[in-house]
Amino acid sequence: MTLAGIFIGGGLGAMLRFWLGNVITARAKGLSLPIGILTVNILGALGLGIFTRLDVTNASVSLIIGTGFFGAFTTFSTFSVESVQLLMAKRVMESLLYIALTLCGSLLAFWCGWTIAM
């Protein structure tokens, strides 16, 4: 049952990431950074911070939401690809800014979520 829940949660998280990332990217035309995935990763970190702080004791629910949904909603692999693509296009400063914003923004967002849910 837990595996099926992770499968469903992951599917929902991936679909939401795809949709939201595309909506944000379409509305932010002209920006030099991959703002869609940057925003999704920061929002996912915020949501996971809130969820983690709730201290859900049901292991299945924690796996379904934490690993399934938020694991699929956020994406380190796409962040990595986009960072390397910027570097390969000789857009070094943009790549470094993207990396810094993603890492620092995600850590800060997780902490904010953790703090908000107190």
C-alpha atoms as a PDB file:
ATOM      1  CA  MET A   1       0.000   0.000   0.000  1.00  0.00           C
ATOM      2  CA  THR A   2       2.826   2.440   0.836  1.00  0.00           C
ATOM      3  CA  LEU A   3       4.521   1.824  -2.515  1.00  0.00           C
ATOM      4  CA  ALA A   4       1.294   2.582  -4.344  1.00  0.00           C
ATOM      5  CA  GLY A   5       0.943   5.785  -2.321  1.00  0.00           C
ATOM      6  CA  ILE A   6       4.504   6.835  -3.163  1.00  0.00           C
ATOM      7  CA  PHE A   7       3.763   6.095  -6.816  1.00  0.00           C
ATOM      8  CA  ILE A   8       0.629   8.260  -6.751  1.00  0.00           C
ATOM      9  CA  GLY A   9       2.234  11.022  -4.667  1.00  0.00           C
ATOM     10  CA  GLY A  10       5.247  11.040  -6.979  1.00  0.00           C
ATOM     11  CA  GLY A  11       3.051  11.212 -10.044  1.00  0.00           C
ATOM     12  CA  LEU A  12       1.107  14.138  -8.625  1.00  0.00           C
ATOM     13  CA  GLY A  13       4.298  15.944  -7.602  1.00  0.00           C
ATOM     14  CA  ALA A  14       5.878  15.450 -11.037  1.00  0.00           C
ATOM     15  CA  MET A  15       2.760  16.645 -12.861  1.00  0.00           C
ATOM     16  CA  LEU A  16       2.496  19.719 -10.636  1.00  0.00           C
ATOM     17  CA  ARG A  17       6.200  20.467 -11.156  1.00  0.00           C
ATOM     18  CA  PHE A  18       5.789  20.206 -14.932  1.00  0.00           C
ATOM     19  CA  TRP A  19       2.689  22.404 -15.026  1.00  0.00           C
ATOM     20  CA  LEU A  20       3.870  25.037 -12.542  1.00  0.00           C
ATOM     21  CA  GLY A  21       7.372  25.185 -14.020  1.00  0.00           C
ATOM     22  CA  ASN A  22       5.925  25.798 -17.477  1.00  0.00           C
ATOM     23  CA  VAL A  23       3.470  28.436 -16.243  1.00  0.00           C
ATOM     24  CA  ILE A  24       6.210  30.338 -14.417  1.00  0.00           C
ATOM     25  CA  THR A  25       8.638  30.078 -17.338  1.00  0.00           C
ATOM     26  CA  ALA A  26       5.991  31.322 -19.794  1.00  0.00           C
ATOM     27  CA  ARG A  27       5.191  34.331 -17.599  1.00  0.00           C
ATOM     28  CA  ALA A  28       8.859  35.187 -17.020  1.00  0.00           C
ATOM     29  CA  LYS A  29       9.952  35.448 -20.652  1.00  0.00           C
ATOM     30  CA  GLY A  30      13.144  37.364 -21.136  1.00  0.00           C
ATOM     31  CA  LEU A  31      14.801  36.313 -17.881  1.00  0.00           C
ATOM     32  CA  SER A  32      18.235  34.801 -18.304  1.00  0.00           C
ATOM     33  CA  LEU A  33      17.785  32.202 -15.545  1.00  0.00           C
ATOM     34  CA  PRO A  34      15.655  29.028 -15.576  1.00  0.00           C
ATOM     35  CA  ILE A  35      13.171  30.654 -13.210  1.00  0.00           C
ATOM     36  CA  GLY A  36      10.522  27.905 -13.447  1.00  0.00           C
ATOM     37  CA  ILE A  37      12.592  25.146 -11.848  1.00  0.00           C
ATOM     38  CA  LEU A  38      14.243  27.615  -9.478  1.00  0.00           C
ATOM     39  CA  THR A  39      10.831  28.640  -8.168  1.00  0.00           C
ATOM     40  CA  VAL A  40       9.518  25.079  -7.996  1.00  0.00           C
ATOM     41  CA  ASN A  41      12.558  23.898  -6.031  1.00  0.00           C
ATOM     42  CA  ILE A  42      12.259  26.754  -3.537  1.00  0.00           C
ATOM     43  CA  LEU A  43       8.501  26.201  -3.130  1.00  0.00           C
ATOM     44  CA  GLY A  44       9.114  22.478  -2.678  1.00  0.00           C
ATOM     45  CA  ALA A  45      11.715  23.136   0.006  1.00  0.00           C
ATOM     46  CA  LEU A  46       9.272  25.450   1.791  1.00  0.00           C
ATOM     47  CA  GLY A  47       6.510  22.843   1.618  1.00  0.00           C
ATOM     48  CA  LEU A  48       8.795  20.062   2.803  1.00  0.00           C
ATOM     49  CA  GLY A  49       9.968  22.257   5.681  1.00  0.00           C
ATOM     50  CA  ILE A  50       6.363  22.782   6.756  1.00  0.00           C
ATOM     51  CA  PHE A  51       5.518  19.097   6.342  1.00  0.00           C
ATOM     52  CA  THR A  52       8.632  17.940   8.203  1.00  0.00           C
ATOM     53  CA  ARG A  53       7.886  20.234  11.127  1.00  0.00           C
ATOM     54  CA  LEU A  54       4.396  18.766  11.442  1.00  0.00           C
ATOM     55  CA  ASP A  55       6.168  15.644  12.710  1.00  0.00           C
ATOM     56  CA  VAL A  56       3.752  13.178  11.136  1.00  0.00           C
ATOM     57  CA  THR A  57       4.135   9.908  13.029  1.00  0.00           C
ATOM     58  CA  ASN A  58       2.584   7.677  10.377  1.00  0.00           C
ATOM     59  CA  ALA A  59       5.565   6.318   8.427  1.00  0.00           C
ATOM     60  CA  SER A  60       3.501   5.582   5.313  1.00  0.00           C
ATOM     61  CA  VAL A  61       2.101   9.116   5.162  1.00  0.00           C
ATOM     62  CA  SER A  62       5.600  10.554   5.643  1.00  0.00           C
ATOM     63  CA  LEU A  63       6.947   8.448   2.794  1.00  0.00           C
ATOM     64  CA  ILE A  64       4.030   9.192   0.477  1.00  0.00           C
ATOM     65  CA  ILE A  65       4.171  12.957   0.989  1.00  0.00           C
ATOM     66  CA  GLY A  66       7.829  13.551   1.843  1.00  0.00           C
ATOM     67  CA  THR A  67       9.481  11.093  -0.523  1.00  0.00           C
ATOM     68  CA  GLY A  68       6.745  10.648  -3.111  1.00  0.00           C
ATOM     69  CA  PHE A  69       5.172  14.060  -3.604  1.00  0.00           C
ATOM     70  CA  PHE A  70       7.978  16.429  -2.590  1.00  0.00           C
ATOM     71  CA  GLY A  71      10.672  14.158  -4.005  1.00  0.00           C
ATOM     72  CA  ALA A  72       9.034  14.309  -7.420  1.00  0.00           C
ATOM     73  CA  PHE A  73       7.922  17.944  -7.154  1.00  0.00           C
ATOM     74  CA  THR A  74      11.454  19.211  -6.588  1.00  0.00           C
ATOM     75  CA  THR A  75      14.176  18.247  -9.017  1.00  0.00           C
ATOM     76  CA  PHE A  76      17.898  18.227  -8.465  1.00  0.00           C
ATOM     77  CA  SER A  77      18.533  16.555 -11.815  1.00  0.00           C
ATOM     78  CA  THR A  78      16.879  19.305 -13.887  1.00  0.00           C
ATOM     79  CA  PHE A  79      18.659  21.926 -11.773  1.00  0.00           C
ATOM     80  CA  SER A  80      21.954  20.149 -12.559  1.00  0.00           C
ATOM     81  CA  VAL A  81      21.239  19.985 -16.302  1.00  0.00           C
ATOM     82  CA  GLU A  82      20.248  23.644 -16.465  1.00  0.00           C
ATOM     83  CA  SER A  83      23.346  24.696 -14.491  1.00  0.00           C
ATOM     84  CA  VAL A  84      25.650  22.801 -16.845  1.00  0.00           C
ATOM     85  CA  GLN A  85      23.798  24.101 -19.930  1.00  0.00           C
ATOM     86  CA  LEU A  86      24.390  27.666 -18.751  1.00  0.00           C
ATOM     87  CA  LEU A  87      28.081  26.878 -18.213  1.00  0.00           C
ATOM     88  CA  MET A  88      28.411  25.242 -21.630  1.00  0.00           C
ATOM     89  CA  ALA A  89      26.819  28.318 -23.198  1.00  0.00           C
ATOM     90  CA  LYS A  90      29.603  30.330 -21.521  1.00  0.00           C
ATOM     91  CA  ARG A  91      27.081  32.053 -19.264  1.00  0.00           C
ATOM     92  CA  VAL A  92      29.237  31.464 -16.197  1.00  0.00           C
ATOM     93  CA  MET A  93      27.905  34.289 -14.024  1.00  0.00           C
ATOM     94  CA  GLU A  94      24.294  33.296 -14.719  1.00  0.00           C
ATOM     95  CA  SER A  95      25.096  29.685 -13.898  1.00  0.00           C
ATOM     96  CA  LEU A  96      26.756  30.629 -10.618  1.00  0.00           C
ATOM     97  CA  LEU A  97      23.842  32.906  -9.744  1.00  0.00           C
ATOM     98  CA  TYR A  98      21.362  30.113 -10.556  1.00  0.00           C
ATOM     99  CA  ILE A  99      23.300  27.645  -8.419  1.00  0.00           C
ATOM    100  CA  ALA A 100      23.579  30.087  -5.505  1.00  0.00           C
ATOM    101  CA  LEU A 101      19.908  31.110  -5.678  1.00  0.00           C
ATOM    102  CA  THR A 102      18.752  27.497  -5.853  1.00  0.00           C
ATOM    103  CA  LEU A 103      20.896  26.224  -3.003  1.00  0.00           C
ATOM    104  CA  CYS A 104      20.593  29.206  -0.678  1.00  0.00           C
ATOM    105  CA  GLY A 105      16.955  29.814  -1.576  1.00  0.00           C
ATOM    106  CA  SER A 106      16.001  26.190  -0.982  1.00  0.00           C
ATOM    107  CA  LEU A 107      17.791  26.012   2.358  1.00  0.00           C
ATOM    108  CA  LEU A 108      16.267  29.296   3.483  1.00  0.00           C
ATOM    109  CA  ALA A 109      12.814  28.238   2.275  1.00  0.00           C
ATOM    110  CA  PHE A 110      13.049  24.919   4.146  1.00  0.00           C
ATOM    111  CA  TRP A 111      14.059  26.765   7.320  1.00  0.00           C
ATOM    112  CA  CYS A 112      11.193  29.255   6.858  1.00  0.00           C
ATOM    113  CA  GLY A 113       8.744  26.397   6.382  1.00  0.00           C
ATOM    114  CA  TRP A 114      10.072  24.638   9.460  1.00  0.00           C
ATOM    115  CA  THR A 115       9.751  27.855  11.447  1.00  0.00           C
ATOM    116  CA  ILE A 116       6.278  28.757  10.141  1.00  0.00           C
ATOM    117  CA  ALA A 117       4.869  25.373  11.116  1.00  0.00           C
ATOM    118  CA  MET A 118       5.927  25.647  14.752  1.00  0.00           C
END
